[in-house]
Amino acid sequence: MKNIATLLLLASLTLVNIGSCVNNAQDESSFEEKPLPTKAECTDFINFFVKEKVCSTGDSIIVSDRDYVEFAFTSEDSSRLLSKVSALSDKDIIFIKKQLSVDQSFRLSKITFCPNAKIVSADSIIALKMKNSGSFWNLFHEKYGDGSLVQISKPVFSIDRSFALVRYSKMRGELSGSGGLAVYERVDDKWVFKLLLNKWVA
């Protein structure tokens, strides 16, 4: 009887382990199949961000249609983010990096709810910089008026879309600006500011 009981126990443990492996495989598969954020999701978040963070000052805003500086997300950024936002996991970090590894040709085509903002081509901004980097801000203000230049990266999201990260900068001159990597959390179907990583002020 003891031998039979032992065999039954071993069999049940084997079934549990097999079930666990199957579940883990399903979890991994479902993670791999998670679709990347759509252009509409990215555009909706940027429009929220522009209205919430950029346009609240009321001054004239020139928004580059794309961020022409690579969105670098380092291992240090990953560690700091995980230490400050317990709801995020290693899988979310992998998903974020996956979004950054794919085509970054996203361009902002429309800004809503911000009448003082105007979208301009990043290529035109780069062209001004190429003319004479030392007098860029003089050239910028001659062409676009006394406003601020805003660059916003393509946003990236956690797997369940409950967190969003976006890198931004807002500058009026060489020694007048600020920026960083903003983290937002979706609470009750609304984006709420969580924290700012890599903050800088000039």
Protein backbone atom coordinates (compact mmCIF):
# COMPACT_ATOMS: atom_id res chain seq x y z
CA MET A 1 0.00 0.00 0.00
CA LYS A 2 2.86 2.36 0.85
CA ASN A 3 4.39 1.77 -2.58
CA ILE A 4 1.08 2.53 -4.29
CA ALA A 5 0.65 5.72 -2.24
CA THR A 6 4.18 6.80 -3.11
CA LEU A 7 3.57 6.18 -6.81
CA LEU A 8 0.35 8.17 -6.71
CA LEU A 9 2.11 11.07 -4.97
CA LEU A 10 4.90 11.09 -7.55
CA ALA A 11 2.37 10.99 -10.37
CA SER A 12 0.44 13.94 -8.95
CA LEU A 13 3.64 15.96 -8.52
CA THR A 14 4.64 15.21 -12.12
CA LEU A 15 1.24 16.40 -13.37
CA VAL A 16 1.60 19.61 -11.33
CA ASN A 17 5.05 20.26 -12.82
CA ILE A 18 3.81 19.57 -16.36
CA GLY A 19 0.88 21.92 -15.78
CA SER A 20 3.25 24.60 -14.49
CA CYS A 21 5.46 24.25 -17.56
CA VAL A 22 2.47 24.53 -19.86
CA ASN A 23 1.24 27.65 -18.06
CA ASN A 24 4.70 29.23 -18.20
CA ALA A 25 4.94 28.46 -21.90
CA GLN A 26 1.51 29.99 -22.47
CA ASP A 27 2.49 33.09 -20.48
CA GLU A 28 5.69 33.45 -22.50
CA SER A 29 3.82 32.91 -25.76
CA SER A 30 1.14 35.46 -24.86
CA PHE A 31 3.89 37.97 -23.99
CA GLU A 32 5.62 37.45 -27.33
CA GLU A 33 2.33 37.91 -29.18
CA LYS A 34 1.47 41.22 -27.52
CA PRO A 35 0.95 43.76 -30.30
CA LEU A 36 3.07 46.88 -30.33
CA PRO A 37 1.30 50.22 -29.74
CA THR A 38 -0.43 51.63 -32.79
CA LYS A 39 0.21 55.05 -34.28
CA ALA A 40 -3.20 56.14 -32.94
CA GLU A 41 -2.22 55.16 -29.39
CA CYS A 42 1.04 57.08 -29.69
CA THR A 43 -0.64 60.14 -31.19
CA ASP A 44 -3.37 60.18 -28.52
CA PHE A 45 -0.80 60.07 -25.73
CA ILE A 46 1.37 62.80 -27.28
CA ASN A 47 -1.64 65.06 -27.68
CA PHE A 48 -2.47 64.51 -24.02
CA PHE A 49 1.14 65.18 -23.07
CA VAL A 50 1.37 68.39 -25.13
CA LYS A 51 -1.84 69.71 -23.59
CA GLU A 52 -0.89 68.69 -20.04
CA LYS A 53 2.82 69.44 -19.90
CA VAL A 54 3.72 71.77 -22.76
CA CYS A 55 0.78 74.05 -23.51
CA SER A 56 -0.15 74.85 -19.93
CA THR A 57 2.24 77.84 -19.90
CA GLY A 58 0.29 79.57 -22.68
CA ASP A 59 3.37 80.71 -24.62
CA SER A 60 3.96 80.02 -28.31
CA ILE A 61 5.11 76.45 -28.93
CA ILE A 62 6.92 75.01 -31.93
CA VAL A 63 6.70 71.21 -31.85
CA SER A 64 9.07 69.13 -33.96
CA ASP A 65 7.12 66.46 -35.83
CA ARG A 66 9.64 63.89 -34.63
CA ASP A 67 12.45 63.59 -32.12
CA TYR A 68 15.69 63.66 -34.11
CA VAL A 69 17.78 62.41 -31.19
CA GLU A 70 17.83 58.66 -30.54
CA PHE A 71 15.71 57.59 -27.57
CA ALA A 72 18.37 55.77 -25.52
CA PHE A 73 16.99 53.59 -22.72
CA THR A 74 19.96 52.26 -20.76
CA SER A 75 20.29 49.44 -18.24
CA GLU A 76 20.62 52.10 -15.55
CA ASP A 77 17.31 53.61 -16.69
CA SER A 78 15.72 50.16 -16.47
CA SER A 79 16.99 49.59 -12.93
CA ARG A 80 15.89 53.02 -11.72
CA LEU A 81 12.45 52.59 -13.27
CA LEU A 82 11.91 49.15 -11.72
CA SER A 83 13.06 50.42 -8.31
CA LYS A 84 10.64 53.35 -8.38
CA VAL A 85 7.61 51.70 -10.01
CA SER A 86 6.92 48.34 -8.39
CA ALA A 87 4.01 47.61 -10.76
CA LEU A 88 6.44 47.25 -13.67
CA SER A 89 8.26 43.98 -14.33
CA ASP A 90 11.27 42.75 -16.28
CA LYS A 91 8.87 41.73 -19.05
CA ASP A 92 7.67 45.32 -19.30
CA ILE A 93 11.29 46.47 -19.71
CA ILE A 94 11.79 43.93 -22.50
CA PHE A 95 8.58 45.13 -24.17
CA ILE A 96 9.70 48.77 -23.88
CA LYS A 97 13.07 47.97 -25.44
CA LYS A 98 11.34 46.04 -28.20
CA GLN A 99 9.32 49.14 -29.08
CA LEU A 100 12.50 51.19 -29.26
CA SER A 101 14.21 48.62 -31.48
CA VAL A 102 11.60 48.75 -34.24
CA ASP A 103 11.14 51.45 -36.86
CA GLN A 104 11.27 54.90 -35.28
CA SER A 105 9.83 56.77 -38.25
CA PHE A 106 6.79 57.96 -36.26
CA ARG A 107 5.86 61.55 -37.09
CA LEU A 108 3.32 63.71 -35.32
CA SER A 109 0.84 65.08 -37.84
CA LYS A 110 -1.77 66.77 -35.67
CA ILE A 111 -2.04 68.45 -32.28
CA THR A 112 -5.46 68.90 -30.71
CA PHE A 113 -6.60 71.11 -27.83
CA CYS A 114 -3.52 73.34 -28.02
CA PRO A 115 -4.06 76.42 -30.21
CA ASN A 116 -0.70 77.94 -29.31
CA ALA A 117 1.24 74.95 -30.69
CA LYS A 118 2.47 74.55 -34.24
CA ILE A 119 4.04 71.44 -35.77
CA VAL A 120 7.13 71.94 -37.90
CA SER A 121 9.31 69.47 -39.75
CA ALA A 122 12.29 68.17 -37.80
CA ASP A 123 14.22 68.38 -41.06
CA SER A 124 13.73 72.16 -41.12
CA ILE A 125 15.05 72.41 -37.54
CA ILE A 126 18.07 70.30 -38.45
CA ALA A 127 18.67 72.51 -41.51
CA LEU A 128 18.80 75.58 -39.25
CA LYS A 129 21.31 73.85 -37.01
CA MET A 130 23.44 72.94 -40.01
CA LYS A 131 23.60 76.56 -41.19
CA ASN A 132 25.39 77.79 -38.11
CA SER A 133 25.06 76.00 -34.81
CA GLY A 134 26.43 79.04 -32.96
CA SER A 135 23.53 81.25 -34.03
CA PHE A 136 20.81 78.58 -34.16
CA TRP A 137 18.53 80.26 -31.65
CA ASN A 138 18.72 83.61 -33.45
CA LEU A 139 17.79 81.87 -36.70
CA PHE A 140 15.05 79.89 -34.96
CA HIS A 141 13.38 82.97 -33.44
CA GLU A 142 13.70 84.93 -36.69
CA LYS A 143 11.82 82.16 -38.50
CA TYR A 144 9.31 81.04 -35.85
CA GLY A 145 8.96 83.98 -33.47
CA ASP A 146 9.55 84.26 -29.75
CA GLY A 147 8.46 80.76 -28.80
CA SER A 148 9.88 77.53 -27.40
CA LEU A 149 11.08 74.53 -29.36
CA VAL A 150 9.64 71.26 -28.12
CA GLN A 151 10.90 67.80 -28.99
CA ILE A 152 8.87 64.75 -27.98
CA SER A 153 9.90 61.16 -28.57
CA LYS A 154 7.60 58.43 -29.73
CA PRO A 155 6.03 57.17 -26.47
CA VAL A 156 6.57 53.61 -25.28
CA PHE A 157 4.18 51.60 -23.14
CA SER A 158 4.11 48.74 -20.65
CA ILE A 159 2.60 45.46 -21.82
CA ASP A 160 -0.85 46.20 -20.39
CA ARG A 161 -0.67 49.89 -21.47
CA SER A 162 -1.00 51.03 -17.86
CA PHE A 163 2.31 52.96 -18.03
CA ALA A 164 3.73 55.25 -20.69
CA LEU A 165 7.19 56.76 -21.05
CA VAL A 166 8.11 59.73 -23.21
CA ARG A 167 11.30 61.73 -23.54
CA TYR A 168 10.88 65.44 -24.10
CA SER A 169 12.72 68.74 -24.11
CA LYS A 170 11.43 72.31 -24.15
CA MET A 171 13.91 75.07 -24.94
CA ARG A 172 13.75 78.77 -25.68
CA GLY A 173 17.50 79.32 -25.90
CA GLU A 174 20.86 77.70 -25.31
CA LEU A 175 20.63 78.27 -21.55
CA SER A 176 16.86 78.24 -21.18
CA GLY A 177 15.16 74.87 -21.15
CA SER A 178 14.34 71.63 -19.38
CA GLY A 179 13.45 68.05 -20.10
CA GLY A 180 13.74 64.43 -19.10
CA LEU A 181 12.06 61.04 -19.33
CA ALA A 182 8.49 61.39 -18.09
CA VAL A 183 6.62 58.38 -16.72
CA TYR A 184 2.81 58.33 -16.60
CA GLU A 185 0.39 55.83 -15.10
CA ARG A 186 -3.14 55.20 -16.36
CA VAL A 187 -5.53 55.52 -13.42
CA ASP A 188 -9.32 55.35 -13.88
CA ASP A 189 -8.82 55.71 -17.64
CA LYS A 190 -6.76 58.90 -17.21
CA TRP A 191 -3.03 59.47 -17.53
CA VAL A 192 -1.46 60.63 -14.27
CA PHE A 193 2.12 61.88 -13.95
CA LYS A 194 4.24 59.41 -11.95
CA LEU A 195 7.85 60.59 -12.03
CA LEU A 196 10.58 62.22 -14.11
CA LEU A 197 13.83 60.37 -14.81
CA ASN A 198 17.02 61.96 -16.15
CA LYS A 199 15.75 65.44 -15.38
CA TRP A 200 17.85 68.32 -16.68
CA VAL A 201 17.52 72.10 -16.55
CA ALA A 202 19.51 74.69 -18.51
